[in-house]
Protein backbone atom coordinates (compact mmCIF):
# COMPACT_ATOMS: atom_id res chain seq x y z
CA MET A 1 9.60 -15.09 6.32
CA THR A 2 9.12 -12.69 3.40
CA ASP A 3 5.56 -12.35 2.16
CA ASN A 4 4.97 -13.53 -1.40
CA GLU A 5 3.25 -10.25 -2.24
CA VAL A 6 6.37 -8.27 -1.31
CA VAL A 7 8.50 -10.51 -3.54
CA LEU A 8 6.06 -10.13 -6.44
CA LEU A 9 5.80 -6.38 -5.93
CA ASP A 10 9.57 -5.96 -5.84
CA GLN A 11 9.79 -8.00 -9.03
CA ILE A 12 7.41 -5.60 -10.80
CA LEU A 13 9.37 -2.58 -9.54
CA ALA A 14 12.67 -4.12 -10.65
CA GLY A 15 11.21 -4.87 -14.06
CA ARG A 16 10.13 -1.28 -14.51
CA GLN A 17 13.56 -0.03 -13.54
CA GLN A 18 15.10 -2.30 -16.17
CA GLU A 19 12.78 -0.84 -18.82
CA ARG A 20 14.09 2.67 -18.17
CA VAL A 21 16.92 4.12 -20.23
CA LYS A 22 18.46 5.24 -16.95
CA ALA A 23 17.39 3.85 -13.61
CA ILE A 24 15.94 6.38 -11.19
CA ARG A 25 16.17 6.33 -7.41
CA ASP A 26 14.23 3.40 -5.94
CA ASP A 27 12.25 5.74 -3.69
CA GLU A 28 11.16 7.86 -6.65
CA ALA A 29 10.31 4.77 -8.70
CA PHE A 30 8.08 3.61 -5.86
CA GLU A 31 6.39 7.02 -5.64
CA LEU A 32 5.47 6.93 -9.34
CA PHE A 33 4.27 3.36 -9.07
CA ALA A 34 2.19 4.05 -5.95
CA ALA A 35 0.53 7.09 -7.52
CA GLU A 36 -0.37 5.02 -10.57
CA GLN A 37 -1.97 2.32 -8.41
CA ALA A 38 -3.70 4.80 -6.09
CA LEU A 39 -5.44 6.27 -9.16
CA HIS A 40 -5.75 2.94 -10.95
CA GLY A 41 -9.32 3.46 -12.17
CA ARG A 42 -8.61 6.92 -13.56
CA GLU A 43 -6.70 5.74 -16.63
CA LEU A 44 -4.11 8.52 -16.40
CA SER A 45 -1.17 8.56 -18.78
CA SER A 46 2.38 8.11 -17.52
CA GLU A 47 3.01 11.84 -18.15
CA GLU A 48 -0.02 12.82 -16.09
CA ILE A 49 1.16 10.60 -13.25
CA ALA A 50 4.68 12.04 -13.41
CA ASP A 51 3.39 15.63 -13.42
CA GLY A 52 1.46 15.03 -10.21
CA THR A 53 4.33 13.30 -8.39
CA ILE A 54 5.97 16.00 -6.29
CA GLY A 55 8.08 14.37 -3.58
CA GLY A 56 11.20 16.23 -2.46
CA THR A 57 12.30 18.99 -0.11
CA ASN A 58 9.44 20.73 1.76
CA ASP A 59 6.93 18.35 0.19
CA ALA A 60 4.48 18.48 3.15
CA ALA A 61 4.96 14.70 3.52
CA LEU A 62 3.19 14.34 0.17
CA ASP A 63 4.58 12.47 -2.82
CA GLY A 64 1.63 13.10 -5.14
CA VAL A 65 -1.24 15.57 -5.52
CA PHE A 66 -4.00 15.16 -8.11
CA VAL A 67 -7.20 17.20 -8.42
CA PHE A 68 -10.26 16.24 -10.45
CA VAL A 69 -13.40 18.20 -11.34
CA GLY A 70 -16.26 16.11 -12.64
CA GLY A 71 -13.84 13.23 -13.10
CA THR A 72 -11.43 15.26 -15.26
CA LEU A 73 -7.85 15.74 -14.09
CA LEU A 74 -6.87 19.38 -13.69
CA SER A 75 -3.66 20.76 -15.13
CA GLU A 76 -2.29 24.29 -15.12
CA ASP A 77 -4.15 25.29 -18.28
CA SER A 78 -7.47 23.63 -17.43
CA GLU A 79 -10.39 25.83 -18.40
CA VAL A 80 -11.85 25.97 -14.89
CA LEU A 81 -8.66 27.71 -13.71
CA GLN A 82 -8.79 30.44 -16.38
CA SER A 83 -10.23 33.91 -15.84
CA ASP A 84 -12.72 33.59 -18.72
CA PHE A 85 -14.15 30.24 -17.60
CA LYS A 86 -17.91 29.87 -18.13
CA ILE A 87 -19.27 28.50 -14.85
CA ALA A 88 -22.59 27.50 -16.48
CA SER A 89 -20.77 24.67 -18.27
CA VAL A 90 -20.39 22.85 -14.95
CA PRO A 91 -23.37 21.00 -13.45
CA VAL A 92 -24.76 21.88 -10.04
CA GLY A 93 -23.35 19.52 -7.46
CA VAL A 94 -20.22 18.77 -9.50
CA LYS A 95 -17.69 16.61 -7.66
CA ILE A 96 -14.31 18.10 -6.80
CA GLU A 97 -11.75 15.56 -5.66
CA VAL A 98 -8.27 16.07 -4.28
CA TRP A 99 -6.04 13.03 -3.94
CA LEU A 100 -3.07 13.26 -1.60
CA ILE A 101 -0.60 10.39 -1.85
CA GLN A 102 2.28 9.34 0.34
CA ALA A 103 4.52 6.45 -0.71
CA LYS A 104 7.25 4.90 1.42
CA ARG A 105 9.24 1.78 0.59
CA SER A 106 9.16 0.73 4.24
CA THR A 107 7.25 -2.40 5.31
CA SER A 108 5.01 -0.68 7.84
CA PHE A 109 2.54 2.17 8.31
CA THR A 110 3.34 4.85 10.91
CA GLU A 111 1.45 7.45 12.92
CA THR A 112 4.04 10.10 12.07
CA ALA A 113 3.28 9.95 8.35
CA ILE A 114 -0.42 10.62 8.93
CA GLU A 115 0.27 13.37 11.48
CA LYS A 116 2.50 15.23 9.01
CA VAL A 117 -0.16 15.10 6.28
CA ALA A 118 -2.83 16.22 8.75
CA ASP A 119 -0.75 19.22 9.78
CA ALA A 120 0.09 20.27 6.22
CA SER A 121 -3.36 19.73 4.75
CA ARG A 122 -4.96 22.08 7.30
CA ARG A 123 -3.15 24.92 5.53
CA LEU A 124 -2.95 23.60 2.01
CA LEU A 125 -6.70 23.01 1.69
CA ARG A 126 -7.73 26.25 3.40
CA LEU A 127 -9.09 28.87 0.98
CA SER A 128 -7.99 31.80 3.12
CA GLU A 129 -4.30 30.88 2.80
CA GLU A 130 -2.22 33.07 0.50
CA GLU A 131 0.12 31.29 -1.90
CA GLN A 132 3.04 33.52 -0.94
CA ASP A 133 2.63 32.47 2.69
CA LEU A 134 2.39 28.79 1.75
CA LEU A 135 5.57 29.09 -0.30
CA GLN A 136 7.43 30.00 2.88
CA LEU A 137 6.60 26.54 4.22
CA TYR A 138 6.22 24.22 1.24
CA SER A 139 7.73 23.65 -2.18
CA GLY A 140 6.38 25.40 -5.25
CA ALA A 141 5.19 22.06 -6.63
CA VAL A 142 3.08 21.34 -3.53
CA VAL A 143 1.58 24.83 -3.49
CA LEU A 144 0.88 24.72 -7.23
CA ARG A 145 -0.84 21.32 -7.24
CA THR A 146 -2.96 21.93 -4.12
CA GLY A 147 -3.67 25.36 -5.60
CA PHE A 148 -5.68 23.66 -8.33
CA PHE A 149 -8.07 22.56 -5.59
CA ARG A 150 -8.26 25.92 -3.87
CA LYS A 151 -8.87 27.79 -7.15
CA ALA A 152 -11.42 25.31 -8.44
CA LEU A 153 -13.35 25.37 -5.17
CA ARG A 154 -13.48 29.17 -5.17
CA VAL A 155 -14.64 29.32 -8.79
CA LEU A 156 -17.23 26.57 -8.47
CA ALA A 157 -18.63 27.50 -5.05
CA VAL A 158 -21.81 28.87 -6.67
CA ARG A 159 -22.43 25.41 -8.21
CA HIS A 160 -22.56 23.85 -4.73
CA PRO A 161 -19.90 21.23 -5.40
CA LYS A 162 -19.53 17.95 -3.55
CA VAL A 163 -15.98 17.71 -2.25
CA GLU A 164 -13.99 14.57 -1.63
CA VAL A 165 -10.55 14.56 -0.02
CA HIS A 166 -8.61 11.31 -0.36
CA PHE A 167 -5.37 10.39 1.36
CA VAL A 168 -3.69 7.24 0.07
CA TYR A 169 -0.83 5.88 2.15
CA ALA A 170 1.21 3.27 0.28
CA THR A 171 4.03 1.10 1.61
CA ARG A 172 5.39 -2.39 1.08
CA GLY A 173 3.73 -3.43 4.34
CA ARG A 174 0.66 -5.47 5.20
CA THR A 175 -2.84 -4.11 5.75
CA GLY A 176 -4.28 -7.28 7.29
CA GLY A 177 -3.35 -10.36 9.26
CA ASP A 178 -0.25 -10.56 11.45
CA ASN A 179 1.94 -7.46 11.60
CA ALA A 180 -0.89 -5.42 10.10
CA ILE A 181 -1.70 -1.75 10.71
CA ASN A 182 -1.72 -1.07 14.44
CA THR A 183 -4.60 0.51 16.32
CA LYS A 184 -2.92 3.90 16.86
CA VAL A 185 -2.37 4.32 13.11
CA LYS A 186 -6.03 3.45 12.44
CA ILE A 187 -7.18 6.00 15.02
CA LYS A 188 -5.01 8.69 13.38
CA ALA A 189 -6.53 7.78 10.01
CA GLU A 190 -10.07 8.19 11.39
CA GLU A 191 -9.11 11.58 12.83
CA LEU A 192 -7.73 12.62 9.44
CA GLU A 193 -10.96 11.62 7.71
CA ARG A 194 -12.91 13.79 10.17
CA GLN A 195 -10.51 16.66 9.52
CA PHE A 196 -11.02 16.33 5.77
CA SER A 197 -14.80 16.37 6.23
CA GLU A 198 -14.51 19.90 7.63
CA VAL A 199 -12.87 21.39 4.52
CA VAL A 200 -16.33 22.45 3.34
CA LEU A 201 -18.82 21.80 6.13
CA GLY A 202 -21.74 19.68 5.01
CA SER A 203 -20.31 19.07 1.52
CA THR A 204 -17.06 17.21 2.10
CA THR A 205 -16.29 13.56 2.60
CA GLY A 206 -12.87 12.41 3.74
CA PHE A 207 -11.22 9.11 2.90
CA VAL A 208 -8.02 7.47 4.07
CA GLU A 209 -6.86 4.35 2.25
CA PHE A 210 -3.93 2.07 3.02
CA LEU A 211 -2.25 0.26 0.15
CA GLY A 212 0.18 -2.45 1.13
CA ALA A 213 2.24 -4.85 -0.96
CA ALA A 214 -0.74 -7.11 -1.65
CA GLU A 215 -3.00 -4.27 -2.80
CA LEU A 216 -0.31 -2.66 -4.94
CA TRP A 217 0.61 -5.93 -6.60
CA ARG A 218 -3.03 -6.79 -7.25
CA ARG A 219 -3.80 -3.44 -8.86
CA ALA A 220 -0.66 -3.51 -10.99
CA SER A 221 -1.67 -6.95 -12.24
CA THR A 222 -5.18 -5.84 -13.21
CA VAL A 223 -5.74 -4.47 -16.70
CA PRO A 224 -9.07 -2.75 -17.57
CA SER A 225 -11.27 -5.09 -19.56
CA TYR A 226 -12.42 -4.02 -22.99
CA THR A 227 -14.60 -7.13 -23.25
CA THR A 228 -18.06 -6.56 -21.88
CA GLU A 229 -21.69 -7.58 -22.19
CA LEU A 230 -24.79 -5.59 -23.05
CA THR A 231 -28.30 -6.97 -22.69
CA TYR A 232 -30.93 -5.66 -25.11
CA GLN A 233 -34.71 -5.80 -25.63
CA GLU A 234 -35.00 -5.77 -29.42
CA ASN A 235 -32.41 -5.70 -32.19
CA ALA A 236 -31.80 -5.75 -35.92
CA THR A 237 -28.66 -7.04 -37.64
CA SER A 238 -27.16 -6.40 -41.06
CA GLY A 239 -23.76 -7.90 -41.77
CA ASN A 240 -21.36 -6.66 -39.11
CA SER A 241 -23.64 -3.93 -37.80
CA HIS A 242 -26.35 -4.09 -35.17
CA VAL A 243 -29.02 -1.75 -33.85
CA ALA A 244 -30.59 -2.48 -30.48
CA LEU A 245 -33.02 -1.00 -27.99
CA VAL A 246 -31.49 -1.32 -24.53
CA LYS A 247 -33.19 -0.72 -21.20
CA LEU A 248 -31.47 1.99 -19.22
CA ARG A 249 -31.05 -0.43 -16.32
CA ASP A 250 -28.93 -2.65 -18.57
CA TYR A 251 -27.12 0.29 -20.15
CA VAL A 252 -26.12 1.67 -16.74
CA SER A 253 -24.80 -1.79 -15.86
CA PHE A 254 -22.76 -1.77 -19.08
CA LEU A 255 -21.35 1.67 -18.20
CA SER A 256 -20.44 0.88 -14.60
CA GLU A 257 -17.54 -0.69 -12.77
CA GLN A 258 -18.29 -3.09 -9.94
CA ASP A 259 -18.29 -0.24 -7.42
CA GLY A 260 -20.83 1.71 -9.48
CA SER A 261 -18.38 4.28 -10.84
CA LEU A 262 -18.27 5.12 -14.54
CA ARG A 263 -16.16 2.78 -16.68
CA ARG A 264 -14.09 5.62 -18.12
CA HIS A 265 -11.72 3.63 -20.28
CA ILE A 266 -14.48 2.68 -22.74
CA PHE A 267 -14.69 6.37 -23.70
CA ASP A 268 -10.99 6.82 -24.48
CA TRP A 269 -11.61 7.24 -28.22
CA ASN A 270 -14.57 9.59 -27.90
CA VAL A 271 -13.80 12.96 -29.48
CA ARG A 272 -15.43 15.03 -26.73
CA ASP A 273 -15.15 15.42 -23.01
CA TYR A 274 -18.30 15.58 -20.90
CA GLN A 275 -19.70 19.10 -21.28
CA GLY A 276 -21.52 19.21 -17.93
CA ASP A 277 -24.60 21.33 -17.32
CA VAL A 278 -25.08 22.58 -20.87
CA GLU A 279 -28.50 22.86 -22.46
CA VAL A 280 -28.42 19.57 -24.35
CA ASN A 281 -27.46 17.63 -21.22
CA ARG A 282 -30.14 19.37 -19.16
CA GLU A 283 -32.68 18.34 -21.77
CA ILE A 284 -31.44 14.74 -21.68
CA HIS A 285 -31.66 14.75 -17.88
CA GLU A 286 -35.19 16.19 -17.90
CA SER A 287 -36.46 13.74 -20.50
CA LEU A 288 -35.05 10.87 -18.45
CA LEU A 289 -36.79 11.75 -15.20
CA ASP A 290 -40.02 13.32 -16.51
CA PRO A 291 -42.80 10.71 -16.19
CA GLY A 292 -44.83 12.56 -18.82
CA ALA A 293 -42.06 12.61 -21.44
CA PRO A 294 -42.24 10.40 -24.56
CA GLU A 295 -40.02 7.33 -24.90
CA PHE A 296 -36.44 8.33 -24.21
CA TRP A 297 -35.08 6.87 -27.44
CA TRP A 298 -37.55 8.95 -29.47
CA LEU A 299 -35.88 12.13 -28.19
CA ASN A 300 -32.25 11.04 -28.25
CA ASN A 301 -29.86 10.16 -31.09
CA GLY A 302 -28.52 7.27 -29.04
CA VAL A 303 -25.08 5.77 -28.69
CA THR A 304 -22.53 4.33 -31.14
CA ILE A 305 -20.21 1.54 -30.02
CA VAL A 306 -17.34 0.10 -32.05
CA CYS A 307 -15.78 -3.25 -31.22
CA SER A 308 -13.54 -5.81 -32.86
CA ARG A 309 -15.97 -8.71 -32.35
CA ALA A 310 -19.57 -9.20 -31.21
CA THR A 311 -21.49 -12.37 -30.51
CA VAL A 312 -25.11 -12.72 -29.38
CA VAL A 313 -26.44 -15.25 -26.87
CA SER A 314 -29.88 -14.98 -25.23
CA LYS A 315 -30.40 -11.30 -26.05
CA THR A 316 -26.97 -10.33 -24.75
CA TYR A 317 -24.11 -8.98 -26.84
CA SER A 318 -20.61 -10.05 -25.83
CA MET A 319 -18.19 -7.52 -27.34
CA ASP A 320 -14.38 -7.32 -27.52
CA ASP A 321 -12.32 -4.09 -27.61
CA VAL A 322 -15.35 -1.96 -26.80
CA GLN A 323 -15.29 1.81 -27.27
CA VAL A 324 -18.20 4.26 -27.07
CA VAL A 325 -17.28 6.67 -29.87
CA ASN A 326 -20.48 8.72 -29.96
CA GLY A 327 -22.96 9.35 -27.18
CA LEU A 328 -20.64 10.37 -24.36
CA GLN A 329 -22.97 13.20 -23.28
CA THR A 330 -25.93 10.83 -23.26
CA SER A 331 -24.00 8.12 -21.42
CA HIS A 332 -22.63 10.42 -18.73
CA THR A 333 -26.02 12.04 -18.17
CA ILE A 334 -27.77 8.66 -17.90
CA HIS A 335 -25.14 7.41 -15.47
CA ASN A 336 -25.24 10.56 -13.33
CA ALA A 337 -29.03 10.81 -13.27
CA LEU A 338 -29.81 7.18 -12.46
CA ARG A 339 -27.11 6.74 -9.82
CA SER A 340 -29.05 9.15 -7.59
CA VAL A 341 -32.52 7.57 -7.83
CA GLU A 342 -34.08 4.45 -6.30
CA GLU A 343 -33.59 1.16 -8.15
CA THR A 344 -37.37 1.00 -8.64
CA HIS A 345 -37.48 4.34 -10.47
CA PHE A 346 -39.49 4.17 -13.70
CA ALA A 347 -36.61 5.66 -15.72
CA PHE A 348 -34.68 2.38 -15.50
CA ASP A 349 -37.32 0.79 -17.74
CA ARG A 350 -36.90 3.36 -20.49
CA THR A 351 -34.77 2.49 -23.49
CA VAL A 352 -31.86 3.96 -25.42
CA LEU A 353 -30.93 3.25 -29.04
CA VAL A 354 -27.50 1.63 -29.39
CA ARG A 355 -25.62 1.05 -32.64
CA ILE A 356 -22.92 -1.63 -32.50
CA LEU A 357 -20.42 -1.56 -35.36
CA VAL A 358 -17.97 -4.44 -35.65
CA THR A 359 -14.88 -2.95 -37.30
CA GLY A 360 -12.48 -5.82 -36.68
CA ASP A 361 -8.88 -4.79 -36.10
CA ASP A 362 -8.84 -2.07 -38.77
CA PRO A 363 -8.01 1.31 -37.13
CA ALA A 364 -8.70 3.24 -40.35
CA THR A 365 -12.29 1.97 -40.42
CA ARG A 366 -12.75 2.88 -36.76
CA ASP A 367 -11.46 6.39 -37.42
CA LYS A 368 -13.92 6.82 -40.29
CA VAL A 369 -16.76 5.76 -38.00
CA ILE A 370 -15.62 8.19 -35.30
CA ARG A 371 -15.47 11.07 -37.77
CA ALA A 372 -18.77 10.23 -39.43
CA THR A 373 -20.73 9.80 -36.21
CA ASN A 374 -19.40 13.09 -34.87
CA ARG A 375 -20.19 15.21 -37.92
CA GLN A 376 -23.90 15.27 -37.12
CA THR A 377 -23.42 17.89 -34.41
CA THR A 378 -20.87 20.65 -34.03
CA VAL A 379 -17.50 19.37 -32.82
CA PRO A 380 -14.38 21.55 -32.68
CA ALA A 381 -11.81 20.52 -35.26
CA ALA A 382 -9.32 19.91 -32.46
CA SER A 383 -11.49 17.11 -31.09
CA LEU A 384 -11.09 15.00 -34.22
CA ARG A 385 -7.33 15.34 -34.53
CA ALA A 386 -6.52 11.88 -33.22
CA THR A 387 -8.13 10.50 -36.36
CA ASP A 388 -6.12 12.68 -38.77
CA ASP A 389 -4.07 10.88 -41.40
CA ILE A 390 -0.86 12.38 -40.02
CA GLN A 391 -1.64 10.95 -36.59
CA ARG A 392 -2.18 7.46 -38.01
CA ASP A 393 1.01 7.80 -40.07
CA ILE A 394 2.99 8.64 -36.94
CA GLU A 395 1.50 5.71 -35.06
CA ALA A 396 2.35 3.30 -37.87
CA TYR A 397 5.92 4.58 -38.15
CA PHE A 398 6.46 4.35 -34.40
CA LEU A 399 5.23 0.75 -34.40
CA GLY A 400 7.78 -0.16 -37.04
CA HIS A 401 10.53 1.02 -34.67
CA ASP A 402 9.17 -0.60 -31.50
CA TRP A 403 7.76 2.66 -30.17
CA PHE A 404 4.09 3.22 -29.37
CA TYR A 405 2.24 6.42 -30.22
CA ASP A 406 -0.73 6.64 -27.87
CA ARG A 407 -3.15 8.11 -30.38
CA ARG A 408 -5.88 6.25 -28.51
CA LYS A 409 -5.18 7.09 -24.88
CA ASN A 410 -3.82 4.20 -22.81
CA PHE A 411 -4.39 1.69 -25.62
CA TYR A 412 -0.78 0.50 -25.54
CA ARG A 413 -0.37 0.65 -21.77
CA ASN A 414 -3.45 -1.49 -21.36
CA SER A 415 -1.97 -3.82 -23.97
CA GLY A 416 1.03 -4.38 -21.71
CA LYS A 417 3.59 -2.22 -23.53
CA SER A 418 6.36 -0.55 -21.55
CA ALA A 419 5.49 2.98 -20.47
CA GLU A 420 9.04 3.98 -21.33
CA ARG A 421 8.29 3.48 -25.04
CA ILE A 422 4.81 4.97 -25.09
CA VAL A 423 4.42 8.56 -26.28
CA SER A 424 1.14 10.44 -25.97
CA ILE A 425 -0.11 13.02 -28.46
CA PRO A 426 0.28 15.86 -25.91
CA LEU A 427 3.86 14.86 -25.08
CA LEU A 428 4.86 14.72 -28.75
CA ALA A 429 3.26 18.12 -29.30
CA GLN A 430 5.16 19.57 -26.33
CA ALA A 431 8.43 18.09 -27.59
CA ALA A 432 7.81 19.51 -31.07
CA MET A 433 6.92 22.93 -29.70
CA ALA A 434 10.06 22.98 -27.54
CA MET A 435 12.67 21.51 -29.88
CA GLY A 436 11.19 22.28 -33.28
CA LEU A 437 9.80 25.76 -32.63
CA SER A 438 11.95 26.89 -29.65
CA ARG A 439 8.91 27.59 -27.48
CA PRO A 440 9.41 25.44 -24.37
CA ASP A 441 7.49 28.07 -22.40
CA ASN A 442 4.36 27.04 -24.28
CA SER A 443 5.12 23.37 -23.68
CA ARG A 444 5.45 24.09 -19.95
CA ALA A 445 2.47 26.41 -19.58
CA ARG A 446 -0.10 24.67 -21.80
CA PRO A 447 0.18 20.91 -21.28
CA SER A 448 -3.45 20.10 -22.11
CA SER A 449 -4.47 22.98 -24.41
CA LEU A 450 -1.50 23.09 -26.79
CA LEU A 451 -3.46 21.42 -29.59
CA LYS A 452 -6.68 23.39 -29.22
CA ARG A 453 -5.48 26.23 -31.46
CA ASP A 454 -5.58 25.37 -35.14
CA ASP A 455 -2.49 27.42 -35.97
CA ASP A 456 -0.41 25.67 -33.30
CA TYR A 457 -1.61 22.28 -34.49
CA ARG A 458 -0.72 22.99 -38.11
CA LYS A 459 2.76 24.16 -37.12
CA ILE A 460 3.38 20.96 -35.18
CA PHE A 461 1.67 18.27 -37.25
CA SER A 462 2.17 18.54 -40.99
CA LYS A 463 2.61 16.16 -43.91
CA GLU A 464 5.51 18.38 -44.93
CA VAL A 465 7.49 17.19 -41.92
CA PRO A 466 9.20 13.82 -42.47
CA VAL A 467 7.73 11.23 -40.12
CA GLU A 468 11.26 10.39 -38.92
CA VAL A 469 11.36 13.81 -37.22
CA TYR A 470 8.45 12.89 -34.96
CA LEU A 471 10.13 9.70 -33.80
CA TRP A 472 13.36 11.62 -33.18
CA LEU A 473 11.46 14.19 -31.12
CA ALA A 474 9.83 11.46 -29.04
CA GLU A 475 13.09 9.61 -28.44
CA SER A 476 14.86 12.87 -27.61
CA GLN A 477 12.31 14.08 -25.07
CA LYS A 478 12.24 10.66 -23.43
CA ALA A 479 16.06 10.73 -23.26
CA VAL A 480 16.02 14.20 -21.68
CA ASP A 481 13.39 13.09 -19.14
CA ALA A 482 15.42 9.96 -18.31
CA PHE A 483 18.57 12.06 -17.88
CA LEU A 484 16.89 14.47 -15.45
CA SER A 485 15.27 11.63 -13.50
CA SER A 486 18.46 9.57 -13.24
CA ALA A 487 20.03 8.97 -9.85
CA GLU A 488 23.28 10.57 -11.08
CA VAL A 489 21.69 13.92 -11.91
CA GLY A 490 19.27 14.00 -9.00
CA SER A 491 17.09 16.74 -10.45
CA PRO A 492 14.25 17.57 -8.02
CA ALA A 493 10.67 17.02 -9.24
CA ALA A 494 9.96 20.77 -9.41
CA GLU A 495 13.06 21.42 -11.50
CA ARG A 496 12.24 18.57 -13.88
CA ASN A 497 8.74 19.88 -14.33
CA ASN A 498 9.92 23.41 -15.04
CA LEU A 499 13.00 22.78 -17.17
CA LYS A 500 12.64 19.50 -19.07
CA PHE A 501 11.37 21.17 -22.24
CA HIS A 502 13.85 24.03 -21.91
CA LEU A 503 16.69 21.51 -21.61
CA ALA A 504 15.39 19.70 -24.70
CA MET A 505 15.44 23.00 -26.62
CA VAL A 506 18.96 23.87 -25.47
CA ALA A 507 20.28 20.42 -26.42
CA ALA A 508 18.54 20.39 -29.81
CA THR A 509 19.85 23.89 -30.59
CA LYS A 510 23.39 22.87 -29.69
CA LEU A 511 23.08 19.71 -31.80
CA VAL A 512 21.86 21.61 -34.87
CA GLY A 513 24.28 24.48 -34.30
CA ARG A 514 21.81 27.33 -34.51
CA PRO A 515 18.42 28.40 -33.07
CA ILE A 516 15.55 26.26 -34.40
CA HIS A 517 12.30 27.77 -35.65
CA SER A 518 11.05 25.00 -37.92
CA LEU A 519 10.71 21.24 -37.47
CA LEU A 520 12.38 20.81 -40.83
CA GLN A 521 15.65 21.97 -39.26
CA LEU A 522 15.66 18.67 -37.35
CA GLU A 523 15.42 16.53 -40.49
CA ARG A 524 19.14 15.75 -40.76
CA ALA A 525 19.46 14.78 -37.09
CA ALA A 526 16.40 12.57 -37.45
CA LYS A 527 17.39 10.84 -40.69
CA ASP A 528 20.98 10.34 -39.52
CA ASN A 529 19.60 9.09 -36.18
CA ILE A 530 21.84 11.42 -34.14
CA PRO A 531 20.87 11.05 -30.45
CA ILE A 532 20.24 14.20 -28.49
CA THR A 533 22.68 12.94 -25.87
CA ASN A 534 25.44 13.87 -28.33
CA ALA A 535 24.77 17.47 -27.36
CA GLY A 536 26.19 16.80 -23.89
CA LEU A 537 23.15 16.98 -21.62
CA ASP A 538 25.22 17.60 -18.50
CA THR A 539 26.83 20.69 -20.06
CA CYS A 540 23.47 21.90 -21.38
CA LEU A 541 21.89 21.47 -17.94
CA ALA A 542 24.68 23.43 -16.25
CA PHE A 543 24.17 26.26 -18.75
CA LEU A 544 20.42 26.17 -18.23
CA ARG A 545 20.62 26.10 -14.43
CA ASP A 546 22.99 29.05 -14.45
CA SER A 547 20.72 31.06 -16.77
CA PHE A 548 17.67 30.18 -14.70
CA ALA A 549 19.36 31.25 -11.46
CA LYS A 550 20.28 34.60 -13.06
CA ALA A 551 16.70 35.10 -14.23
CA LEU A 552 15.37 34.39 -10.75
CA LYS A 553 17.77 36.92 -9.24
CA GLU A 554 17.13 39.61 -11.85
CA THR A 555 13.34 39.35 -12.02
CA GLY A 556 12.47 38.29 -8.50
CA GLY A 557 9.79 36.07 -10.03
CA THR A 558 8.84 32.52 -9.09
CA THR A 559 10.37 29.49 -10.77
CA ASP A 560 7.03 28.56 -12.34
CA LYS A 561 6.41 32.04 -13.72
CA ILE A 562 9.86 32.26 -15.31
CA ALA A 563 9.59 28.79 -16.88
CA LYS A 564 6.18 29.62 -18.38
CA GLY A 565 7.19 33.05 -19.70
CA PRO A 566 8.58 33.93 -23.15
CA ALA A 567 11.16 36.42 -21.82
CA PHE A 568 13.38 33.70 -20.34
CA VAL A 569 13.22 31.66 -23.55
CA ASP A 570 14.02 34.66 -25.72
CA SER A 571 17.04 35.36 -23.52
CA LEU A 572 18.19 31.74 -23.79
CA VAL A 573 17.85 31.69 -27.57
CA SER A 574 19.73 34.99 -27.92
CA GLN A 575 22.52 33.84 -25.62
CA MET A 576 22.86 30.49 -27.43
CA ALA A 577 22.94 32.19 -30.83
CA LYS A 578 25.93 34.27 -29.69
CA GLU A 579 27.77 31.44 -27.97
CA LEU A 580 27.25 28.91 -30.77
CA SER A 581 29.11 31.18 -33.14
CA SER A 582 32.17 30.99 -30.89
CA GLY A 583 31.75 27.68 -29.08
CA PRO A 584 29.40 25.59 -26.91
CA PRO A 585 27.42 27.05 -23.98
CA LYS A 586 29.48 27.39 -20.84
């Protein structure tokens, strides 16, 4: 008899396939889904999940690789991987995590799967391995993604990091009861955990987790709660605003998930990331744990929370749609410091000042609060961009056309909207850079830092650009991604990752009839609602693949290096300019 959980899981998977413009292979759909559930508490976007999903030829029996430093997902342009990275910005004892994921649609767990991962990970997690040697054995995507771990560990070795290696094995099988995981598989999993613990002797912990149909279905059915409670000691209220003194014991409880980890999704709208071991955070940490220090709230500006509704019962606030919009550094430092001390430590009885602002459902008011509360200390202009008028205009226009602009990360996904119609700020910026400025190399090479430079931001997001262009860009990039991922095309994960923005540029150029160097050149296509598929994506892909193969042969470079470099793009643009004058690319 079929388990109910398998039926329910298959129903979710079928529903997601139906949401796609073009269905993808069932195996690949399961890999994406499994990676999302394996990292359920991390609140990653659909693009971040897709980037880390690497299954294919020579994949080392891995379908996903994700690396985190201090809880932040690494990408190719992450600061810690750059030559000018300032190591002092990272706290001593920072946690480095590598997550290895294998997903199979089978209804059982096998020894062979674990053995293959054990064999590959010995090399892939070894610092002495050279990338050129690894590329003889494994795909470029596998070497690249595990390389984030190797590079980060080398750079951060002087900060004495704590290392965690996780292997998540997901199938449609059962983890308990009859027909559960057999003893031999469990023994292999224990051996793999011991192997992981030797990656950095004395500093590494290994974990192996099995996710079956029941676990996958349960996680997929669980949405992070934005309704939470906060107990206070004293408070003052004026209209829809509250000020409260909160014991750190109660504030840590407010910040924490049931397993004690940080509730990250309540910081989605904060304009900063955690800055680590910088001076201000060291001072916060010292004032927390110094028994001779004055009251903590005397020395700290406190925390600002916005919510849509707040009620008070017995000195406890119950708040809906909670977001901590100011005080991320304070909150992270409190959470990190008090997780490592005894529950009887005196610091738990200290207090922090918390402002609670009830803004209702008005996003404009929330944005004003975010800007105002973050003007008191220096914040890079890039950090406040999600609150720009142009960003709110784009979100409003998308909503009117049943698309969802994820100006507030994961807001729409956690509201139950289809991932196929959700577009993040970074993805829209990459699409604009590729199709509107003919720089897909930048889109490929700088996924997380594209908006950090003011000049790039102003070129991409401008009131001079009709808002229809942004929706057209989003729809077009999604269409290109769907085309590459479709079962008919069968584009490998590495190729999709390297060429999706280049293909978007080629198709947009063909559609417009000339090279594009301004978003305004896309205005007619956007206002006339001309789909990018009219450019003939299959023909454009054949042209692109041929050009890419020639570049590989002529330069002898790697696929990643060519895709990230301007020379290949310049060659493409020049070739298209010539061919468009006499006919379509061949």
